[in-house]
N, C-alpha and C. Protein backbone atom coordinates (compact mmCIF):
# COMPACT_ATOMS: atom_id res chain seq x y z
N MET A 1 0.83 -1.23 0.01
CA MET A 1 0.01 -0.03 -0.05
C MET A 1 0.87 1.31 -0.01
N LEU A 2 1.87 1.36 0.82
CA LEU A 2 2.78 2.40 0.91
C LEU A 2 3.50 2.68 -0.47
N ALA A 3 3.85 1.56 -1.05
CA ALA A 3 4.54 1.75 -2.36
C ALA A 3 3.57 2.35 -3.40
N PHE A 4 2.28 2.00 -3.34
CA PHE A 4 1.37 2.55 -4.18
C PHE A 4 1.13 4.07 -4.05
N LEU A 5 1.09 4.50 -2.75
CA LEU A 5 0.95 5.93 -2.41
C LEU A 5 2.17 6.69 -2.90
N ARG A 6 3.35 6.08 -2.78
CA ARG A 6 4.57 6.79 -3.24
C ARG A 6 4.51 7.02 -4.76
N MET A 7 3.89 6.11 -5.49
CA MET A 7 3.77 6.32 -6.95
C MET A 7 2.85 7.52 -7.24
N LEU A 8 1.87 7.73 -6.41
CA LEU A 8 0.94 8.87 -6.71
C LEU A 8 1.57 10.21 -6.37
N LEU A 9 2.44 10.32 -5.43
CA LEU A 9 3.05 11.54 -5.04
C LEU A 9 4.07 12.03 -6.00
N PRO A 10 4.14 13.27 -6.32
CA PRO A 10 5.17 13.68 -7.21
C PRO A 10 6.61 13.57 -6.54
N VAL A 11 7.49 13.19 -7.36
CA VAL A 11 8.84 13.08 -6.84
C VAL A 11 9.55 14.34 -7.09
N PRO A 12 10.13 14.92 -6.00
CA PRO A 12 10.77 16.26 -6.09
C PRO A 12 11.96 16.02 -7.01
N MET A 13 12.19 17.06 -7.86
CA MET A 13 13.31 17.01 -8.79
C MET A 13 14.52 17.53 -8.04
N PRO A 14 15.63 16.76 -8.08
CA PRO A 14 16.83 17.26 -7.39
C PRO A 14 17.33 18.48 -8.04
N VAL A 15 17.78 19.43 -7.20
CA VAL A 15 18.34 20.69 -7.75
C VAL A 15 19.82 20.40 -8.09
N THR A 16 20.07 20.44 -9.36
CA THR A 16 21.36 20.27 -9.81
C THR A 16 22.02 21.59 -10.26
N TYR A 17 23.21 21.53 -10.57
CA TYR A 17 23.93 22.72 -10.93
C TYR A 17 23.25 23.42 -12.16
N SER A 18 22.85 22.68 -13.21
CA SER A 18 22.28 23.23 -14.37
C SER A 18 20.86 23.76 -14.04
N ASN A 19 20.12 23.06 -13.18
CA ASN A 19 18.82 23.63 -12.78
C ASN A 19 18.90 24.89 -12.08
N ARG A 20 19.82 25.01 -11.11
CA ARG A 20 20.03 26.14 -10.35
C ARG A 20 20.45 27.29 -11.28
N ASN A 21 21.34 27.12 -12.25
CA ASN A 21 21.66 28.10 -13.20
C ASN A 21 20.50 28.63 -13.97
N ALA A 22 19.67 27.71 -14.40
CA ALA A 22 18.47 28.09 -15.23
C ALA A 22 17.52 28.90 -14.36
N MET A 23 17.36 28.51 -13.06
CA MET A 23 16.47 29.31 -12.18
C MET A 23 17.08 30.70 -11.92
N MET A 24 18.34 30.85 -11.84
CA MET A 24 19.01 32.12 -11.53
C MET A 24 18.93 33.02 -12.78
N ASN A 25 19.11 32.39 -13.95
CA ASN A 25 19.02 33.17 -15.22
C ASN A 25 17.59 33.62 -15.42
N LYS A 26 16.65 32.82 -15.09
CA LYS A 26 15.14 33.28 -15.19
C LYS A 26 14.86 34.40 -14.27
N ALA A 27 15.42 34.35 -12.99
CA ALA A 27 15.19 35.46 -12.06
C ALA A 27 15.88 36.69 -12.47
N ALA A 28 17.08 36.52 -13.07
CA ALA A 28 17.77 37.71 -13.55
C ALA A 28 17.06 38.42 -14.75
N MET A 29 16.52 37.60 -15.56
CA MET A 29 15.76 38.14 -16.69
C MET A 29 14.52 38.88 -16.23
N ILE A 30 13.82 38.27 -15.22
CA ILE A 30 12.62 39.02 -14.75
C ILE A 30 13.02 40.23 -14.07
N ALA A 31 14.09 40.23 -13.29
CA ALA A 31 14.56 41.46 -12.64
C ALA A 31 14.90 42.58 -13.55
N ALA A 32 15.66 42.16 -14.67
CA ALA A 32 15.94 43.08 -15.72
C ALA A 32 14.71 43.70 -16.45
N ALA A 33 13.78 42.78 -16.69
CA ALA A 33 12.49 43.28 -17.34
C ALA A 33 11.75 44.29 -16.41
N LEU A 34 11.69 43.97 -15.14
CA LEU A 34 11.00 44.89 -14.17
C LEU A 34 11.75 46.25 -14.03
N ALA A 35 13.06 46.15 -14.06
CA ALA A 35 13.87 47.44 -13.95
C ALA A 35 13.66 48.33 -15.23
N ALA A 36 13.59 47.65 -16.31
CA ALA A 36 13.38 48.43 -17.57
C ALA A 36 11.97 49.07 -17.59
N THR A 37 11.02 48.33 -17.11
CA THR A 37 9.69 48.82 -17.02
C THR A 37 9.60 49.97 -16.12
N CYS A 38 10.22 49.85 -14.96
CA CYS A 38 10.23 50.99 -13.90
C CYS A 38 10.94 52.21 -14.49
N ALA A 39 12.03 51.96 -15.15
CA ALA A 39 12.79 53.08 -15.71
C ALA A 39 11.97 53.81 -16.78
N ALA A 40 11.33 53.05 -17.68
CA ALA A 40 10.51 53.62 -18.64
C ALA A 40 9.32 54.46 -18.04
N GLY A 41 8.72 53.90 -16.99
CA GLY A 41 7.62 54.61 -16.41
C GLY A 41 8.09 55.91 -15.75
N SER A 42 9.22 55.92 -15.08
CA SER A 42 9.70 57.16 -14.47
C SER A 42 10.14 58.16 -15.52
N ALA A 43 10.72 57.70 -16.66
CA ALA A 43 11.05 58.64 -17.66
C ALA A 43 9.85 59.28 -18.23
N ASN A 44 8.80 58.48 -18.41
CA ASN A 44 7.51 59.11 -18.92
C ASN A 44 6.91 60.13 -17.98
N ALA A 45 7.06 59.81 -16.68
CA ALA A 45 6.53 60.73 -15.63
C ALA A 45 7.38 62.10 -15.74
N GLN A 46 8.63 61.97 -15.91
CA GLN A 46 9.48 63.15 -15.94
C GLN A 46 9.19 63.94 -17.21
N MET A 47 9.00 63.36 -18.31
CA MET A 47 8.78 64.05 -19.52
C MET A 47 7.41 64.60 -19.72
N GLY A 48 6.48 64.09 -18.98
CA GLY A 48 5.11 64.65 -19.04
C GLY A 48 4.33 64.29 -20.30
N GLY A 49 3.31 65.09 -20.51
CA GLY A 49 2.45 64.79 -21.59
C GLY A 49 2.79 65.37 -22.94
N GLY A 50 3.87 66.05 -23.06
CA GLY A 50 4.32 66.65 -24.33
C GLY A 50 4.24 68.10 -24.33
N ALA A 51 4.22 68.61 -25.52
CA ALA A 51 4.30 70.12 -25.72
C ALA A 51 3.01 70.76 -25.34
N ASP A 52 1.91 70.02 -25.24
CA ASP A 52 0.68 70.64 -24.95
C ASP A 52 0.38 70.68 -23.37
N LYS A 53 1.32 70.33 -22.57
CA LYS A 53 1.24 70.26 -21.12
C LYS A 53 2.15 71.14 -20.40
N GLU A 54 1.86 71.50 -19.19
CA GLU A 54 2.81 72.27 -18.39
C GLU A 54 2.70 71.89 -16.91
N LYS A 55 3.73 72.02 -16.10
CA LYS A 55 3.57 71.73 -14.69
C LYS A 55 2.77 72.86 -14.04
N CYS A 56 1.91 72.36 -13.08
CA CYS A 56 1.09 73.40 -12.39
C CYS A 56 1.27 73.05 -10.86
N TYR A 57 1.82 73.96 -10.16
CA TYR A 57 2.04 73.83 -8.70
C TYR A 57 0.85 74.37 -7.96
N GLY A 58 0.54 73.50 -6.87
CA GLY A 58 -0.61 73.87 -5.98
C GLY A 58 -1.96 73.42 -6.32
N VAL A 59 -2.10 72.51 -7.34
CA VAL A 59 -3.42 71.94 -7.66
C VAL A 59 -3.55 70.50 -7.51
N ALA A 60 -2.48 69.75 -7.06
CA ALA A 60 -2.48 68.39 -6.95
C ALA A 60 -3.26 68.04 -5.59
N LYS A 61 -4.16 67.02 -5.69
CA LYS A 61 -4.81 66.53 -4.53
C LYS A 61 -3.92 65.51 -3.72
N ALA A 62 -4.12 65.29 -2.59
CA ALA A 62 -3.35 64.33 -1.76
C ALA A 62 -3.24 62.92 -2.52
N GLY A 63 -2.05 62.45 -2.70
CA GLY A 63 -1.72 61.22 -3.31
C GLY A 63 -2.00 61.29 -4.82
N GLN A 64 -2.08 62.46 -5.44
CA GLN A 64 -2.34 62.59 -6.88
C GLN A 64 -1.39 63.43 -7.58
N ASN A 65 -0.21 63.74 -6.97
CA ASN A 65 0.83 64.59 -7.68
C ASN A 65 1.51 63.74 -8.73
N ASP A 66 2.16 64.44 -9.69
CA ASP A 66 2.67 63.65 -10.87
C ASP A 66 4.18 63.33 -10.72
N CYS A 67 4.90 63.96 -9.81
CA CYS A 67 6.30 63.51 -9.62
C CYS A 67 6.77 64.17 -8.23
N ALA A 68 8.11 64.39 -8.10
CA ALA A 68 8.71 64.82 -6.87
C ALA A 68 8.24 66.22 -6.54
N SER A 69 8.28 66.48 -5.25
CA SER A 69 7.88 67.83 -4.77
C SER A 69 9.06 68.73 -5.01
N SER A 70 8.77 70.02 -5.15
CA SER A 70 9.84 71.06 -5.43
C SER A 70 10.79 71.23 -4.26
N ASP A 71 10.33 70.93 -3.11
CA ASP A 71 11.09 71.18 -1.88
C ASP A 71 11.95 69.97 -1.53
N GLY A 72 11.76 68.93 -2.30
CA GLY A 72 12.59 67.71 -2.04
C GLY A 72 12.14 66.81 -0.89
N LYS A 73 10.92 66.99 -0.40
CA LYS A 73 10.44 66.10 0.74
C LYS A 73 10.20 64.65 0.23
N HIS A 74 10.00 64.50 -1.06
CA HIS A 74 9.82 63.16 -1.72
C HIS A 74 10.21 63.21 -3.11
N GLY A 75 10.41 62.09 -3.72
CA GLY A 75 10.93 61.93 -5.06
C GLY A 75 9.98 61.17 -5.94
N CYS A 76 8.72 60.95 -5.51
CA CYS A 76 7.89 60.01 -6.28
C CYS A 76 6.49 60.64 -6.52
N ALA A 77 5.85 60.08 -7.65
CA ALA A 77 4.57 60.49 -7.82
C ALA A 77 3.55 59.81 -6.79
N SER A 78 2.48 60.39 -6.59
CA SER A 78 1.47 59.96 -5.62
C SER A 78 1.83 60.02 -4.17
N MET A 79 2.78 60.82 -3.83
CA MET A 79 3.23 60.97 -2.42
C MET A 79 2.73 62.25 -1.76
N ALA A 80 1.94 63.03 -2.38
CA ALA A 80 1.52 64.33 -1.79
C ALA A 80 0.70 64.07 -0.58
N ALA A 81 0.96 64.70 0.54
CA ALA A 81 0.30 64.40 1.82
C ALA A 81 -0.94 65.21 1.91
N THR A 82 -0.99 66.48 1.33
CA THR A 82 -2.19 67.25 1.54
C THR A 82 -2.69 67.83 0.15
N ASP A 83 -3.90 68.19 0.14
CA ASP A 83 -4.47 68.80 -1.06
C ASP A 83 -3.89 70.16 -1.33
N ASN A 84 -3.68 70.48 -2.61
CA ASN A 84 -3.23 71.89 -3.04
C ASN A 84 -1.97 72.34 -2.33
N ALA A 85 -0.96 71.52 -2.00
CA ALA A 85 0.24 71.98 -1.43
C ALA A 85 1.04 72.79 -2.49
N PRO A 86 1.66 73.86 -2.18
CA PRO A 86 2.24 74.75 -3.18
C PRO A 86 3.52 74.10 -3.83
N THR A 87 4.03 73.06 -3.12
CA THR A 87 5.26 72.37 -3.66
C THR A 87 4.98 71.18 -4.57
N GLU A 88 3.68 70.79 -4.56
CA GLU A 88 3.25 69.60 -5.38
C GLU A 88 2.70 70.06 -6.67
N TRP A 89 2.95 69.25 -7.74
CA TRP A 89 2.54 69.66 -9.00
C TRP A 89 1.87 68.51 -9.79
N LYS A 90 1.08 68.93 -10.87
CA LYS A 90 0.48 67.95 -11.79
C LYS A 90 0.72 68.50 -13.22
N TRP A 91 0.70 67.61 -14.18
CA TRP A 91 0.65 68.10 -15.59
C TRP A 91 -0.73 68.50 -15.89
N VAL A 92 -0.86 69.64 -16.47
CA VAL A 92 -2.18 70.14 -16.91
C VAL A 92 -2.00 70.79 -18.32
N PRO A 93 -3.17 70.87 -19.10
CA PRO A 93 -3.08 71.53 -20.41
C PRO A 93 -2.42 72.91 -20.33
N LYS A 94 -1.68 73.26 -21.34
CA LYS A 94 -1.09 74.53 -21.28
C LYS A 94 -2.11 75.62 -21.26
N GLY A 95 -1.84 76.69 -20.44
CA GLY A 95 -2.74 77.79 -20.26
C GLY A 95 -3.83 77.62 -19.27
N SER A 96 -3.98 76.42 -18.71
CA SER A 96 -5.10 76.29 -17.71
C SER A 96 -4.58 76.32 -16.29
N CYS A 97 -3.34 76.38 -16.02
CA CYS A 97 -2.82 76.29 -14.64
C CYS A 97 -3.40 77.37 -13.72
N GLU A 98 -3.34 78.60 -14.15
CA GLU A 98 -3.82 79.70 -13.34
C GLU A 98 -5.41 79.69 -13.21
N LYS A 99 -6.02 79.21 -14.26
CA LYS A 99 -7.49 79.10 -14.19
C LYS A 99 -7.91 78.09 -13.08
N LEU A 100 -7.00 77.03 -12.91
CA LEU A 100 -7.25 76.08 -11.85
C LEU A 100 -6.86 76.59 -10.43
N GLY A 101 -6.22 77.67 -10.37
CA GLY A 101 -5.85 78.20 -9.04
C GLY A 101 -4.35 77.90 -8.70
N GLY A 102 -3.58 77.36 -9.65
CA GLY A 102 -2.20 77.06 -9.40
C GLY A 102 -1.23 78.06 -9.98
N LYS A 103 0.04 77.74 -9.91
CA LYS A 103 1.10 78.55 -10.49
C LYS A 103 1.98 77.69 -11.32
N PRO A 104 2.44 78.20 -12.51
CA PRO A 104 3.37 77.45 -13.31
C PRO A 104 4.76 77.33 -12.91
N THR A 105 5.14 78.09 -11.79
CA THR A 105 6.44 78.05 -11.28
C THR A 105 6.41 77.58 -9.87
N PRO A 106 7.51 76.86 -9.41
CA PRO A 106 7.54 76.40 -8.08
C PRO A 106 7.64 77.59 -7.00
N PRO A 107 7.27 77.42 -5.78
CA PRO A 107 7.43 78.47 -4.83
C PRO A 107 8.93 78.71 -4.57
N ALA A 108 9.23 79.92 -4.12
CA ALA A 108 10.69 80.24 -3.79
C ALA A 108 11.08 79.45 -2.53
N LYS A 109 12.26 79.01 -2.55
CA LYS A 109 12.74 78.18 -1.33
C LYS A 109 13.28 79.08 -0.25
């Protein structure tokens, strides 16, 4: 009976040198792909929406800023702690910043 049950259970594959290298290569490829994706995403965030957009300071809602704050408190998008902080910015269509109540330039340090 025990022999029959052992036949039903999957036999673990021994980890050999070639299996380990294949697993490490796969992990390295996945890490490289993730790094490239993150780099492309941050480059797009820095570049904005193109020629028809401008940075507008003081209009971002909490957690909805587009990139780093102008005072250096954080370096990432979606990190604004309060609504309409003068150091947080969003990309807006050109010419609409002041209509929204913001300023196209960062506050003086």
